[in-house]
């Protein structure tokens, strides 16, 4: 049985999804990747993280976007 890598607890980081056993949020990992950091840089900055945990954060975010919800984007006047 695979251990659950992403957990949410109201007592930890206000309930945001985090890597199990840490206070490192999925949000932080996504922000760092979006800013251009590599997985290797993230792992170096956060020694408690594993590559598997970063991949679990990405999978969690992808799954969260699978919901049948419309995400409006800002339209530009033109």
C-alpha atoms as a PDB file:
ATOM      1  CA  UNK A   1       0.000   0.000   0.000  1.00  0.00           C
ATOM      2  CA  UNK A   2       1.388   3.394  -0.996  1.00  0.00           C
ATOM      3  CA  UNK A   3       1.501   5.956   1.788  1.00  0.00           C
ATOM      4  CA  UNK A   4      -0.481   9.109   1.265  1.00  0.00           C
ATOM      5  CA  UNK A   5       1.959  11.886   0.346  1.00  0.00           C
ATOM      6  CA  UNK A   6      -0.502  14.782   0.233  1.00  0.00           C
ATOM      7  CA  UNK A   7      -2.527  15.493   3.363  1.00  0.00           C
ATOM      8  CA  UNK A   8      -4.730  18.270   4.665  1.00  0.00           C
ATOM      9  CA  UNK A   9      -5.188  19.066   8.341  1.00  0.00           C
ATOM     10  CA  UNK A  10      -6.917  22.210   9.619  1.00  0.00           C
ATOM     11  CA  UNK A  11      -4.195  22.468  12.289  1.00  0.00           C
ATOM     12  CA  UNK A  12      -1.395  22.588   9.698  1.00  0.00           C
ATOM     13  CA  UNK A  13      -1.015  25.536   7.314  1.00  0.00           C
ATOM     14  CA  UNK A  14      -4.705  26.425   7.703  1.00  0.00           C
ATOM     15  CA  UNK A  15      -5.732  23.151   6.085  1.00  0.00           C
ATOM     16  CA  UNK A  16      -3.907  23.699   2.802  1.00  0.00           C
ATOM     17  CA  UNK A  17      -2.711  20.480   1.152  1.00  0.00           C
ATOM     18  CA  UNK A  18       0.851  19.748   2.292  1.00  0.00           C
ATOM     19  CA  UNK A  19       3.464  17.069   1.839  1.00  0.00           C
ATOM     20  CA  UNK A  20       2.858  14.551   4.647  1.00  0.00           C
ATOM     21  CA  UNK A  21       5.087  15.143   7.642  1.00  0.00           C
ATOM     22  CA  UNK A  22       6.021  18.670   6.549  1.00  0.00           C
ATOM     23  CA  UNK A  23       4.580  22.163   6.369  1.00  0.00           C
ATOM     24  CA  UNK A  24       5.498  22.396   2.678  1.00  0.00           C
ATOM     25  CA  UNK A  25       2.350  23.187   0.721  1.00  0.00           C
ATOM     26  CA  UNK A  26       1.408  21.970  -2.729  1.00  0.00           C
ATOM     27  CA  UNK A  27       0.900  25.648  -3.502  1.00  0.00           C
ATOM     28  CA  UNK A  28       4.542  26.467  -2.649  1.00  0.00           C
ATOM     29  CA  UNK A  29       5.839  23.697  -4.901  1.00  0.00           C
ATOM     30  CA  UNK A  30       3.673  24.886  -7.790  1.00  0.00           C
ATOM     31  CA  UNK A  31       4.735  28.505  -7.287  1.00  0.00           C
ATOM     32  CA  UNK A  32       8.406  27.549  -7.312  1.00  0.00           C
ATOM     33  CA  UNK A  33       8.020  25.490 -10.483  1.00  0.00           C
ATOM     34  CA  UNK A  34       6.034  28.287 -12.147  1.00  0.00           C
ATOM     35  CA  UNK A  35       8.802  30.735 -11.229  1.00  0.00           C
ATOM     36  CA  UNK A  36      11.272  28.577 -13.143  1.00  0.00           C
ATOM     37  CA  UNK A  37      12.902  26.587 -10.370  1.00  0.00           C
ATOM     38  CA  UNK A  38      13.818  23.036 -11.260  1.00  0.00           C
ATOM     39  CA  UNK A  39      12.801  20.039  -9.199  1.00  0.00           C
ATOM     40  CA  UNK A  40      16.460  19.642  -8.256  1.00  0.00           C
ATOM     41  CA  UNK A  41      16.580  23.223  -6.920  1.00  0.00           C
ATOM     42  CA  UNK A  42      13.417  22.658  -4.902  1.00  0.00           C
ATOM     43  CA  UNK A  43      14.813  19.434  -3.457  1.00  0.00           C
ATOM     44  CA  UNK A  44      18.039  21.205  -2.483  1.00  0.00           C
ATOM     45  CA  UNK A  45      16.120  24.044  -0.805  1.00  0.00           C
ATOM     46  CA  UNK A  46      13.840  21.634   1.065  1.00  0.00           C
ATOM     47  CA  UNK A  47      15.856  18.563   2.120  1.00  0.00           C
ATOM     48  CA  UNK A  48      12.791  16.825   3.608  1.00  0.00           C
ATOM     49  CA  UNK A  49      11.156  16.688   0.173  1.00  0.00           C
ATOM     50  CA  UNK A  50      11.562  13.814  -2.229  1.00  0.00           C
ATOM     51  CA  UNK A  51      11.112  13.707  -5.974  1.00  0.00           C
ATOM     52  CA  UNK A  52       8.142  11.407  -5.359  1.00  0.00           C
ATOM     53  CA  UNK A  53       6.549  14.066  -3.122  1.00  0.00           C
ATOM     54  CA  UNK A  54       6.981  16.778  -5.759  1.00  0.00           C
ATOM     55  CA  UNK A  55       5.409  14.491  -8.353  1.00  0.00           C
ATOM     56  CA  UNK A  56       2.553  13.771  -5.936  1.00  0.00           C
ATOM     57  CA  UNK A  57       1.994  17.529  -5.549  1.00  0.00           C
ATOM     58  CA  UNK A  58       1.761  17.913  -9.329  1.00  0.00           C
ATOM     59  CA  UNK A  59      -0.638  14.973  -9.598  1.00  0.00           C
ATOM     60  CA  UNK A  60      -2.762  16.415  -6.782  1.00  0.00           C
ATOM     61  CA  UNK A  61      -2.983  19.788  -8.557  1.00  0.00           C
ATOM     62  CA  UNK A  62      -3.892  18.142 -11.862  1.00  0.00           C
ATOM     63  CA  UNK A  63      -6.605  16.084 -10.189  1.00  0.00           C
ATOM     64  CA  UNK A  64      -7.997  19.182  -8.472  1.00  0.00           C
ATOM     65  CA  UNK A  65      -8.411  20.825 -11.893  1.00  0.00           C
ATOM     66  CA  UNK A  66     -10.391  17.871 -13.220  1.00  0.00           C
ATOM     67  CA  UNK A  67     -13.490  19.059 -11.365  1.00  0.00           C
ATOM     68  CA  UNK A  68     -16.378  20.118 -13.589  1.00  0.00           C
ATOM     69  CA  UNK A  69     -15.914  23.790 -12.848  1.00  0.00           C
ATOM     70  CA  UNK A  70     -15.574  26.697 -15.246  1.00  0.00           C
ATOM     71  CA  UNK A  71     -12.578  28.857 -14.455  1.00  0.00           C
ATOM     72  CA  UNK A  72     -13.212  32.277 -15.971  1.00  0.00           C
ATOM     73  CA  UNK A  73     -10.174  34.154 -17.153  1.00  0.00           C
ATOM     74  CA  UNK A  74      -9.764  37.876 -17.293  1.00  0.00           C
ATOM     75  CA  UNK A  75     -10.804  39.131 -20.689  1.00  0.00           C
ATOM     76  CA  UNK A  76      -8.919  41.969 -22.242  1.00  0.00           C
ATOM     77  CA  UNK A  77     -10.802  44.907 -23.681  1.00  0.00           C
ATOM     78  CA  UNK A  78     -10.052  45.157 -27.253  1.00  0.00           C
END
